[in-house]
Amino acid sequence: PFSGDFRGAEHHILGNSMRLENVGKIVKSERWKTKLSVDDQEVVARIVRAYIERHRGHPLADILGRYVPESRQ
């Protein structure tokens, strides 16, 4: 089982700013809700919906479907 302590094992998470911060546990961040504009959030949601449509039945599509909002249109 994963303890949540990503520093507990030797590995690299390139491109992930958490590796440079003094954080010992992976924590849920919802900063994107305040950092991304509503329009940007809709662009991401539209791309995710297109992925789901193209990959119906794929495990990732099923997971994403739980989180992507319905279209505003």
N, C-alpha and C. Protein backbone atom coordinates (compact mmCIF):
# COMPACT_ATOMS: atom_id res chain seq x y z
N PRO A 1 0.82 -1.21 0.00
CA PRO A 1 0.00 0.00 0.00
C PRO A 1 0.86 1.27 0.00
N PHE A 2 0.41 2.28 -0.66
CA PHE A 2 1.11 3.56 -0.76
C PHE A 2 0.79 4.40 0.46
N SER A 3 1.83 4.84 1.16
CA SER A 3 1.63 5.61 2.39
C SER A 3 1.26 7.05 2.12
N GLY A 4 1.44 7.51 0.89
CA GLY A 4 1.20 8.91 0.57
C GLY A 4 2.46 9.74 0.66
N ASP A 5 3.54 9.16 1.17
CA ASP A 5 4.81 9.87 1.29
C ASP A 5 5.64 9.60 0.05
N PHE A 6 5.56 10.51 -0.93
CA PHE A 6 6.28 10.29 -2.18
C PHE A 6 7.78 10.46 -2.02
N ARG A 7 8.23 11.01 -0.89
CA ARG A 7 9.67 11.13 -0.65
C ARG A 7 10.23 9.88 0.02
N GLY A 8 9.39 8.93 0.34
CA GLY A 8 9.81 7.72 1.05
C GLY A 8 10.62 6.78 0.18
N ALA A 9 10.61 6.95 -1.12
CA ALA A 9 11.37 6.10 -2.03
C ALA A 9 12.14 6.99 -2.99
N GLU A 10 13.28 6.51 -3.45
CA GLU A 10 14.10 7.26 -4.38
C GLU A 10 13.46 7.22 -5.76
N HIS A 11 13.09 8.36 -6.29
CA HIS A 11 12.55 8.48 -7.64
C HIS A 11 12.54 9.96 -8.02
N HIS A 12 12.25 10.21 -9.25
CA HIS A 12 12.19 11.59 -9.74
C HIS A 12 10.81 11.85 -10.32
N ILE A 13 10.28 13.01 -10.01
CA ILE A 13 9.01 13.43 -10.60
C ILE A 13 9.34 14.70 -11.38
N LEU A 14 9.88 14.52 -12.58
CA LEU A 14 10.30 15.66 -13.38
C LEU A 14 9.11 16.52 -13.77
N GLY A 15 9.29 17.80 -13.66
CA GLY A 15 8.23 18.72 -14.04
C GLY A 15 7.20 18.95 -12.96
N ASN A 16 7.30 18.25 -11.86
CA ASN A 16 6.33 18.40 -10.78
C ASN A 16 6.94 19.28 -9.70
N SER A 17 6.36 20.44 -9.47
CA SER A 17 6.92 21.39 -8.51
C SER A 17 6.94 20.84 -7.08
N MET A 18 6.12 19.84 -6.78
CA MET A 18 6.10 19.28 -5.43
C MET A 18 7.45 18.68 -5.04
N ARG A 19 8.23 18.24 -6.03
CA ARG A 19 9.51 17.62 -5.71
C ARG A 19 10.49 18.63 -5.14
N LEU A 20 10.27 19.92 -5.39
CA LEU A 20 11.16 20.96 -4.90
C LEU A 20 10.65 21.61 -3.62
N GLU A 21 9.40 21.36 -3.28
CA GLU A 21 8.82 21.95 -2.08
C GLU A 21 9.10 21.06 -0.88
N ASN A 22 8.97 21.61 0.29
CA ASN A 22 9.20 20.85 1.52
C ASN A 22 7.88 20.21 1.96
N VAL A 23 7.37 19.34 1.10
CA VAL A 23 6.12 18.65 1.36
C VAL A 23 6.42 17.17 1.43
N GLY A 24 5.91 16.49 2.45
CA GLY A 24 6.18 15.07 2.60
C GLY A 24 5.06 14.18 2.12
N LYS A 25 3.89 14.71 2.00
CA LYS A 25 2.74 13.91 1.61
C LYS A 25 2.09 14.51 0.36
N ILE A 26 1.48 13.65 -0.43
CA ILE A 26 0.70 14.12 -1.57
C ILE A 26 -0.63 14.60 -1.01
N VAL A 27 -0.99 15.80 -1.36
CA VAL A 27 -2.24 16.37 -0.88
C VAL A 27 -3.08 16.85 -2.05
N LYS A 28 -4.35 16.79 -1.89
CA LYS A 28 -5.26 17.24 -2.93
C LYS A 28 -5.18 18.76 -3.05
N SER A 29 -5.04 19.23 -4.25
CA SER A 29 -5.01 20.66 -4.51
C SER A 29 -6.11 21.01 -5.48
N GLU A 30 -6.88 22.00 -5.13
CA GLU A 30 -7.92 22.49 -6.03
C GLU A 30 -7.65 23.94 -6.43
N ARG A 31 -6.33 24.29 -6.46
CA ARG A 31 -5.95 25.65 -6.87
C ARG A 31 -6.43 25.99 -8.26
N TRP A 32 -6.56 24.97 -9.10
CA TRP A 32 -6.98 25.22 -10.47
C TRP A 32 -8.33 25.92 -10.51
N LYS A 33 -9.17 25.71 -9.48
CA LYS A 33 -10.51 26.33 -9.47
C LYS A 33 -10.42 27.85 -9.36
N THR A 34 -9.32 28.34 -8.76
CA THR A 34 -9.16 29.78 -8.64
C THR A 34 -8.13 30.32 -9.62
N LYS A 35 -7.24 29.49 -10.12
CA LYS A 35 -6.20 29.94 -11.05
C LYS A 35 -6.65 29.93 -12.50
N LEU A 36 -7.56 29.02 -12.85
CA LEU A 36 -8.06 28.96 -14.23
C LEU A 36 -9.37 29.73 -14.32
N SER A 37 -9.50 30.50 -15.40
CA SER A 37 -10.76 31.22 -15.61
C SER A 37 -11.86 30.22 -15.94
N VAL A 38 -13.08 30.66 -15.86
CA VAL A 38 -14.22 29.80 -16.20
C VAL A 38 -14.09 29.34 -17.65
N ASP A 39 -13.67 30.25 -18.53
CA ASP A 39 -13.50 29.88 -19.94
C ASP A 39 -12.41 28.82 -20.10
N ASP A 40 -11.29 28.96 -19.38
CA ASP A 40 -10.23 27.96 -19.45
C ASP A 40 -10.70 26.62 -18.92
N GLN A 41 -11.46 26.64 -17.84
CA GLN A 41 -12.02 25.39 -17.29
C GLN A 41 -12.93 24.72 -18.31
N GLU A 42 -13.68 25.51 -19.05
CA GLU A 42 -14.57 24.95 -20.07
C GLU A 42 -13.78 24.35 -21.22
N VAL A 43 -12.67 24.96 -21.60
CA VAL A 43 -11.81 24.40 -22.65
C VAL A 43 -11.30 23.02 -22.21
N VAL A 44 -10.81 22.93 -20.99
CA VAL A 44 -10.32 21.65 -20.47
C VAL A 44 -11.46 20.63 -20.45
N ALA A 45 -12.62 21.04 -19.97
CA ALA A 45 -13.76 20.12 -19.91
C ALA A 45 -14.16 19.65 -21.30
N ARG A 46 -14.12 20.55 -22.29
CA ARG A 46 -14.48 20.19 -23.67
C ARG A 46 -13.49 19.15 -24.21
N ILE A 47 -12.20 19.33 -23.93
CA ILE A 47 -11.20 18.36 -24.38
C ILE A 47 -11.41 17.01 -23.70
N VAL A 48 -11.71 17.03 -22.42
CA VAL A 48 -11.95 15.78 -21.68
C VAL A 48 -13.19 15.08 -22.21
N ARG A 49 -14.26 15.85 -22.47
CA ARG A 49 -15.47 15.23 -23.02
C ARG A 49 -15.19 14.59 -24.37
N ALA A 50 -14.36 15.24 -25.21
CA ALA A 50 -14.01 14.66 -26.52
C ALA A 50 -13.22 13.36 -26.33
N TYR A 51 -12.31 13.33 -25.35
CA TYR A 51 -11.56 12.11 -25.06
C TYR A 51 -12.52 10.99 -24.65
N ILE A 52 -13.44 11.32 -23.76
CA ILE A 52 -14.41 10.32 -23.30
C ILE A 52 -15.21 9.77 -24.47
N GLU A 53 -15.63 10.66 -25.35
CA GLU A 53 -16.43 10.25 -26.51
C GLU A 53 -15.64 9.30 -27.42
N ARG A 54 -14.35 9.60 -27.64
CA ARG A 54 -13.51 8.77 -28.52
C ARG A 54 -13.10 7.45 -27.88
N HIS A 55 -13.09 7.40 -26.55
CA HIS A 55 -12.56 6.22 -25.87
C HIS A 55 -13.59 5.59 -24.92
N ARG A 56 -14.81 5.50 -25.36
CA ARG A 56 -15.87 4.94 -24.53
C ARG A 56 -15.48 3.54 -24.04
N GLY A 57 -15.70 3.30 -22.76
CA GLY A 57 -15.39 2.01 -22.19
C GLY A 57 -13.97 1.89 -21.66
N HIS A 58 -13.10 2.82 -22.01
CA HIS A 58 -11.73 2.80 -21.48
C HIS A 58 -11.78 3.20 -20.01
N PRO A 59 -11.00 2.52 -19.16
CA PRO A 59 -11.06 2.84 -17.72
C PRO A 59 -10.82 4.32 -17.41
N LEU A 60 -9.89 4.97 -18.12
CA LEU A 60 -9.64 6.38 -17.86
C LEU A 60 -10.85 7.23 -18.24
N ALA A 61 -11.50 6.89 -19.34
CA ALA A 61 -12.70 7.63 -19.75
C ALA A 61 -13.79 7.49 -18.70
N ASP A 62 -13.91 6.32 -18.12
CA ASP A 62 -14.91 6.10 -17.07
C ASP A 62 -14.61 6.96 -15.85
N ILE A 63 -13.34 7.04 -15.47
CA ILE A 63 -12.95 7.85 -14.31
C ILE A 63 -13.18 9.32 -14.60
N LEU A 64 -12.72 9.79 -15.76
CA LEU A 64 -12.89 11.20 -16.12
C LEU A 64 -14.36 11.60 -16.15
N GLY A 65 -15.19 10.68 -16.58
CA GLY A 65 -16.62 10.97 -16.67
C GLY A 65 -17.25 11.31 -15.33
N ARG A 66 -16.63 10.88 -14.26
CA ARG A 66 -17.15 11.21 -12.92
C ARG A 66 -16.89 12.66 -12.55
N TYR A 67 -15.90 13.28 -13.18
CA TYR A 67 -15.45 14.59 -12.75
C TYR A 67 -15.71 15.72 -13.74
N VAL A 68 -15.85 15.41 -15.00
CA VAL A 68 -16.04 16.47 -15.99
C VAL A 68 -17.47 16.99 -15.95
N PRO A 69 -17.63 18.30 -15.91
CA PRO A 69 -18.99 18.86 -15.88
C PRO A 69 -19.68 18.71 -17.23
N GLU A 70 -20.96 18.75 -17.21
CA GLU A 70 -21.72 18.73 -18.45
C GLU A 70 -21.45 20.01 -19.22
N SER A 71 -21.67 19.97 -20.52
CA SER A 71 -21.43 21.13 -21.37
C SER A 71 -22.36 22.27 -21.00
N ARG A 72 -21.85 23.52 -21.10
CA ARG A 72 -22.68 24.71 -20.81
C ARG A 72 -23.61 25.02 -21.96
N GLN A 73 -23.41 24.38 -23.10
CA GLN A 73 -24.20 24.71 -24.29
C GLN A 73 -25.53 24.02 -24.29
